[in-house]
């Protein structure tokens, strides 16, 4: 009986550890006995941080900083690496920066997120007030987010409303595939929509064929290429990548979503061969 209780306690402890959020220790701190610690002797590295230079600084005023984030640089700090990310590298390489009162800031604050693999404009704030103002503008839909995505298949122009499986992205949930799964079929009821689904909306305003030259990193071959101008209405994790892939037009070189191009949650029951092919 004691052994069974210990096993149950251990399982509960593991579940608790997987779901809780840890506080990062950034300065010498006295750690109390019994404190759970996560130590990363081999942190993930992000060398694209060091490709930043003054040309990446697009704009700054007394409150905001706008930078051209290179691809493969995370917007937020990785759990194992607090320094090689957008605000950290901007501060270390492009700083120092002064706030509205002329004080040197320690580190700019994130106003929004952009996927690590994506390059483009990122807005940072020099103080908490600017961060709150920007987030309020986002909530009021007063900011226009425009993305350019290159695909091998044309994406239909117009508004696209899809549904993302919510439990997969819930905070503290571990496991499951790293990609975001999309359904093109609306939920059966409003209750199920609120409980299990997240609404994703984007608008493709333009889709035009383009020519891409061969580079050391990419050979376009004989494949057609299309540049899609996308206005993001809602902002979800991997939203543009997931929605375009579900439409059968994944972004080029997107190794996460290309294998499941055209696959949606509502098609899994009727297209098991496509699912197995995507997993393989």
Protein backbone atom coordinates (compact mmCIF):
# COMPACT_ATOMS: atom_id res chain seq x y z
CA UNK A 1 0.00 0.00 0.00
CA UNK A 2 2.80 2.45 0.81
CA UNK A 3 4.43 1.80 -2.55
CA UNK A 4 1.18 2.49 -4.41
CA UNK A 5 0.75 5.77 -2.54
CA UNK A 6 4.32 6.75 -3.39
CA UNK A 7 3.69 6.01 -7.08
CA UNK A 8 0.53 8.15 -7.04
CA UNK A 9 2.36 10.97 -5.26
CA UNK A 10 5.19 10.79 -7.80
CA UNK A 11 2.78 10.96 -10.74
CA UNK A 12 1.02 13.96 -9.19
CA UNK A 13 4.37 15.62 -8.57
CA UNK A 14 5.52 15.07 -12.17
CA UNK A 15 2.21 16.44 -13.50
CA UNK A 16 2.53 19.47 -11.25
CA UNK A 17 6.12 20.12 -12.39
CA UNK A 18 5.14 19.86 -16.07
CA UNK A 19 2.27 22.31 -15.72
CA UNK A 20 3.77 24.97 -13.46
CA UNK A 21 5.59 28.07 -14.66
CA UNK A 22 9.09 28.63 -13.30
CA UNK A 23 10.47 32.01 -12.31
CA UNK A 24 13.78 32.82 -13.95
CA UNK A 25 16.63 33.66 -11.54
CA UNK A 26 18.55 36.60 -13.04
CA UNK A 27 20.73 37.65 -10.10
CA UNK A 28 22.46 36.02 -7.10
CA UNK A 29 19.61 34.65 -4.99
CA UNK A 30 19.32 32.71 -1.75
CA UNK A 31 17.43 29.53 -2.66
CA UNK A 32 15.30 28.01 0.07
CA UNK A 33 15.59 24.29 0.87
CA UNK A 34 13.10 22.20 -1.11
CA UNK A 35 12.99 24.63 -4.06
CA UNK A 36 12.69 22.93 -7.47
CA UNK A 37 15.32 24.18 -9.91
CA UNK A 38 15.75 23.75 -13.65
CA UNK A 39 19.36 24.06 -14.77
CA UNK A 40 20.42 24.07 -18.44
CA UNK A 41 24.15 23.18 -18.75
CA UNK A 42 23.78 23.15 -22.57
CA UNK A 43 21.36 25.97 -23.50
CA UNK A 44 19.89 26.34 -26.98
CA UNK A 45 21.88 28.81 -29.04
CA UNK A 46 20.54 31.30 -31.60
CA UNK A 47 23.46 32.56 -33.75
CA UNK A 48 21.15 34.73 -35.89
CA UNK A 49 21.30 37.17 -32.96
CA UNK A 50 24.73 38.23 -34.15
CA UNK A 51 23.54 39.10 -37.65
CA UNK A 52 21.88 42.23 -36.20
CA UNK A 53 23.43 45.59 -37.07
CA UNK A 54 22.32 49.23 -37.22
CA UNK A 55 20.42 48.59 -40.46
CA UNK A 56 17.97 46.44 -38.48
CA UNK A 57 16.94 49.43 -36.37
CA UNK A 58 14.01 50.80 -38.39
CA UNK A 59 12.60 53.37 -35.98
CA UNK A 60 12.74 54.66 -32.43
CA UNK A 61 11.22 57.48 -30.39
CA UNK A 62 10.93 58.21 -26.68
CA UNK A 63 8.69 55.15 -26.19
CA UNK A 64 8.96 52.61 -29.02
CA UNK A 65 11.69 50.76 -30.90
CA UNK A 66 10.98 49.00 -34.23
CA UNK A 67 13.48 46.44 -35.50
CA UNK A 68 13.73 44.11 -38.47
CA UNK A 69 14.04 40.75 -36.69
CA UNK A 70 16.12 38.19 -38.60
CA UNK A 71 14.66 34.71 -39.09
CA UNK A 72 15.50 32.04 -36.48
CA UNK A 73 15.76 34.59 -33.67
CA UNK A 74 13.06 34.04 -31.00
CA UNK A 75 10.98 37.02 -29.98
CA UNK A 76 10.79 35.78 -26.39
CA UNK A 77 13.59 34.22 -24.33
CA UNK A 78 13.90 30.47 -24.61
CA UNK A 79 13.64 28.63 -21.28
CA UNK A 80 17.35 27.82 -21.45
CA UNK A 81 18.68 31.08 -22.93
CA UNK A 82 17.72 34.51 -21.60
CA UNK A 83 20.18 36.51 -23.73
CA UNK A 84 19.93 35.40 -27.38
CA UNK A 85 16.46 36.70 -28.31
CA UNK A 86 15.00 39.82 -29.87
CA UNK A 87 14.95 42.21 -26.86
CA UNK A 88 18.24 40.89 -25.48
CA UNK A 89 20.14 41.14 -28.75
CA UNK A 90 18.60 44.52 -29.63
CA UNK A 91 19.76 45.89 -26.28
CA UNK A 92 23.26 44.38 -26.43
CA UNK A 93 24.02 45.09 -30.10
CA UNK A 94 21.90 48.14 -31.03
CA UNK A 95 21.65 49.82 -27.60
CA UNK A 96 21.89 51.49 -25.23
CA UNK A 97 18.48 53.19 -25.41
CA UNK A 98 17.05 56.06 -23.38
CA UNK A 99 13.46 56.39 -22.17
CA UNK A 100 11.32 59.55 -22.22
CA UNK A 101 13.05 60.82 -19.06
CA UNK A 102 16.53 60.31 -20.50
CA UNK A 103 17.33 57.26 -18.40
CA UNK A 104 19.20 54.30 -19.87
CA UNK A 105 16.82 51.33 -20.01
CA UNK A 106 17.96 47.88 -18.92
CA UNK A 107 16.19 46.00 -21.71
CA UNK A 108 13.30 46.82 -24.10
CA UNK A 109 9.94 45.12 -23.50
CA UNK A 110 8.10 42.88 -25.98
CA UNK A 111 4.88 44.36 -27.39
CA UNK A 112 3.87 41.37 -29.54
CA UNK A 113 5.20 38.03 -30.72
CA UNK A 114 6.49 36.81 -34.07
CA UNK A 115 7.33 33.16 -34.74
CA UNK A 116 11.01 32.37 -34.29
CA UNK A 117 11.47 31.19 -37.90
CA UNK A 118 9.83 34.34 -39.32
CA UNK A 119 11.67 37.56 -40.13
CA UNK A 120 10.07 41.01 -40.05
CA UNK A 121 9.13 44.04 -37.99
CA UNK A 122 8.97 43.69 -34.21
CA UNK A 123 7.82 46.53 -31.95
CA UNK A 124 9.48 46.90 -28.55
CA UNK A 125 8.70 49.39 -25.80
CA UNK A 126 11.08 51.32 -23.56
CA UNK A 127 8.64 51.24 -20.63
CA UNK A 128 5.56 49.46 -19.26
CA UNK A 129 3.20 52.25 -20.29
CA UNK A 130 4.14 51.93 -23.96
CA UNK A 131 3.69 48.18 -23.75
CA UNK A 132 0.18 48.62 -22.28
CA UNK A 133 -0.77 51.20 -24.93
CA UNK A 134 0.35 48.91 -27.76
CA UNK A 135 -1.52 45.90 -26.34
CA UNK A 136 -4.66 47.99 -25.92
CA UNK A 137 -4.41 49.07 -29.57
CA UNK A 138 -4.18 45.39 -30.49
CA UNK A 139 -7.29 44.56 -28.47
CA UNK A 140 -9.18 47.40 -30.16
CA UNK A 141 -8.07 46.11 -33.60
CA UNK A 142 -6.47 49.47 -34.40
CA UNK A 143 -3.22 47.88 -35.60
CA UNK A 144 -2.88 46.40 -39.07
CA UNK A 145 -0.59 43.37 -39.30
CA UNK A 146 0.60 42.57 -42.82
CA UNK A 147 2.71 39.54 -43.74
CA UNK A 148 4.37 38.44 -46.97
CA UNK A 149 4.50 34.67 -47.47
CA UNK A 150 5.96 32.79 -50.44
CA UNK A 151 4.32 29.53 -51.50
CA UNK A 152 4.57 27.10 -54.39
CA UNK A 153 0.78 27.03 -54.74
CA UNK A 154 -1.50 30.05 -55.16
CA UNK A 155 -3.56 30.96 -52.10
CA UNK A 156 -7.18 32.00 -52.79
CA UNK A 157 -7.64 35.75 -52.35
CA UNK A 158 -10.18 36.73 -49.72
CA UNK A 159 -11.08 36.14 -46.08
CA UNK A 160 -10.32 32.77 -44.53
CA UNK A 161 -12.02 31.67 -41.29
CA UNK A 162 -10.73 28.46 -39.71
CA UNK A 163 -10.72 26.87 -36.26
CA UNK A 164 -7.70 25.81 -34.17
CA UNK A 165 -7.90 23.06 -31.53
CA UNK A 166 -7.63 25.01 -28.23
CA UNK A 167 -6.55 22.30 -25.74
CA UNK A 168 -3.39 21.82 -27.77
CA UNK A 169 -2.21 25.37 -27.06
CA UNK A 170 -3.46 25.69 -23.47
CA UNK A 171 -0.88 27.05 -21.03
CA UNK A 172 0.86 24.33 -19.05
CA UNK A 173 -0.09 21.54 -21.45
CA UNK A 174 2.79 19.31 -22.51
CA UNK A 175 3.01 16.75 -25.30
CA UNK A 176 1.21 16.54 -28.62
CA UNK A 177 2.50 17.61 -32.04
CA UNK A 178 4.40 20.93 -32.29
CA UNK A 179 2.25 22.02 -35.24
CA UNK A 180 -1.14 23.68 -34.82
CA UNK A 181 -4.05 21.63 -36.17
CA UNK A 182 -6.76 23.40 -38.15
CA UNK A 183 -10.39 22.60 -38.98
CA UNK A 184 -12.31 24.16 -41.86
CA UNK A 185 -15.65 23.08 -40.38
CA UNK A 186 -17.28 25.34 -37.74
CA UNK A 187 -17.86 23.83 -34.28
CA UNK A 188 -21.23 22.17 -33.70
CA UNK A 189 -22.26 24.65 -31.01
CA UNK A 190 -21.16 27.90 -29.38
CA UNK A 191 -20.41 26.03 -26.16
CA UNK A 192 -18.00 23.69 -27.94
CA UNK A 193 -16.50 26.65 -29.79
CA UNK A 194 -15.72 28.42 -26.50
CA UNK A 195 -14.45 25.27 -24.80
CA UNK A 196 -12.43 23.54 -27.50
CA UNK A 197 -11.83 25.83 -30.46
CA UNK A 198 -9.99 29.07 -31.21
CA UNK A 199 -11.21 31.25 -34.09
CA UNK A 200 -8.53 32.11 -36.67
CA UNK A 201 -9.12 34.77 -39.32
CA UNK A 202 -6.80 36.13 -41.98
CA UNK A 203 -7.32 37.89 -45.29
CA UNK A 204 -5.25 37.26 -48.40
CA UNK A 205 -5.34 40.61 -50.19
CA UNK A 206 -2.99 39.72 -53.03
CA UNK A 207 -1.45 36.62 -54.60
CA UNK A 208 0.93 37.14 -57.49
CA UNK A 209 3.55 34.95 -59.22
CA UNK A 210 7.17 35.93 -58.60
CA UNK A 211 10.57 34.73 -59.73
CA UNK A 212 13.10 33.64 -57.13
CA UNK A 213 16.79 33.38 -57.90
CA UNK A 214 18.87 30.45 -56.75
CA UNK A 215 20.91 31.08 -53.60
CA UNK A 216 23.31 28.93 -51.55
CA UNK A 217 20.42 28.30 -49.15
CA UNK A 218 17.57 27.68 -51.59
CA UNK A 219 17.17 26.24 -55.08
CA UNK A 220 13.77 27.16 -56.55
CA UNK A 221 14.17 24.68 -59.38
CA UNK A 222 11.32 24.69 -61.89
CA UNK A 223 8.62 25.16 -59.26
CA UNK A 224 6.26 28.16 -59.50
CA UNK A 225 6.39 30.66 -56.64
CA UNK A 226 3.70 33.04 -55.39
CA UNK A 227 4.02 36.00 -53.04
CA UNK A 228 0.95 36.33 -50.85
CA UNK A 229 0.07 39.54 -49.02
CA UNK A 230 -1.74 38.59 -45.84
CA UNK A 231 -3.62 40.75 -43.34
CA UNK A 232 -3.82 39.04 -39.99
CA UNK A 233 -7.15 39.66 -38.23
CA UNK A 234 -6.53 37.38 -35.23
CA UNK A 235 -3.12 36.53 -33.84
CA UNK A 236 -2.60 32.86 -32.96
CA UNK A 237 0.49 30.70 -32.63
CA UNK A 238 1.69 29.62 -36.11
CA UNK A 239 -1.57 30.99 -37.53
CA UNK A 240 -0.37 32.04 -41.00
CA UNK A 241 1.76 28.92 -41.40
CA UNK A 242 -1.00 26.59 -40.21
CA UNK A 243 -3.82 28.16 -42.21
CA UNK A 244 -1.87 28.31 -45.48
CA UNK A 245 -0.77 24.69 -45.03
CA UNK A 246 -4.38 23.63 -44.40
CA UNK A 247 -5.30 25.30 -47.71
CA UNK A 248 -2.71 23.16 -49.49
CA UNK A 249 -0.24 26.03 -49.90
CA UNK A 250 2.42 25.79 -47.17
CA UNK A 251 5.14 28.41 -46.99
CA UNK A 252 8.30 27.32 -48.80
CA UNK A 253 10.98 25.68 -46.65
CA UNK A 254 8.53 25.26 -43.76
CA UNK A 255 9.58 21.76 -42.75
CA UNK A 256 6.99 21.62 -39.97
CA UNK A 257 3.89 22.26 -42.08
CA UNK A 258 4.85 21.16 -45.61
CA UNK A 259 4.44 17.44 -44.78
CA UNK A 260 0.81 18.01 -43.69
CA UNK A 261 -0.20 20.36 -46.52
CA UNK A 262 -3.92 20.10 -47.22
CA UNK A 263 -4.54 18.09 -44.05
CA UNK A 264 -7.24 19.39 -41.69
CA UNK A 265 -8.77 18.00 -38.50
CA UNK A 266 -12.12 17.52 -40.21
CA UNK A 267 -10.46 15.40 -42.92
CA UNK A 268 -8.58 13.01 -40.64
CA UNK A 269 -11.39 10.48 -40.43
CA UNK A 270 -11.80 10.31 -44.20
CA UNK A 271 -8.15 10.67 -45.25
CA UNK A 272 -6.09 8.35 -43.05
CA UNK A 273 -3.54 7.74 -45.83
CA UNK A 274 -2.73 11.47 -45.97
CA UNK A 275 -2.31 11.54 -42.19
CA UNK A 276 0.08 8.58 -42.21
CA UNK A 277 2.04 10.15 -45.09
CA UNK A 278 2.32 13.46 -43.18
CA UNK A 279 3.50 11.69 -40.02
CA UNK A 280 6.08 9.71 -41.98
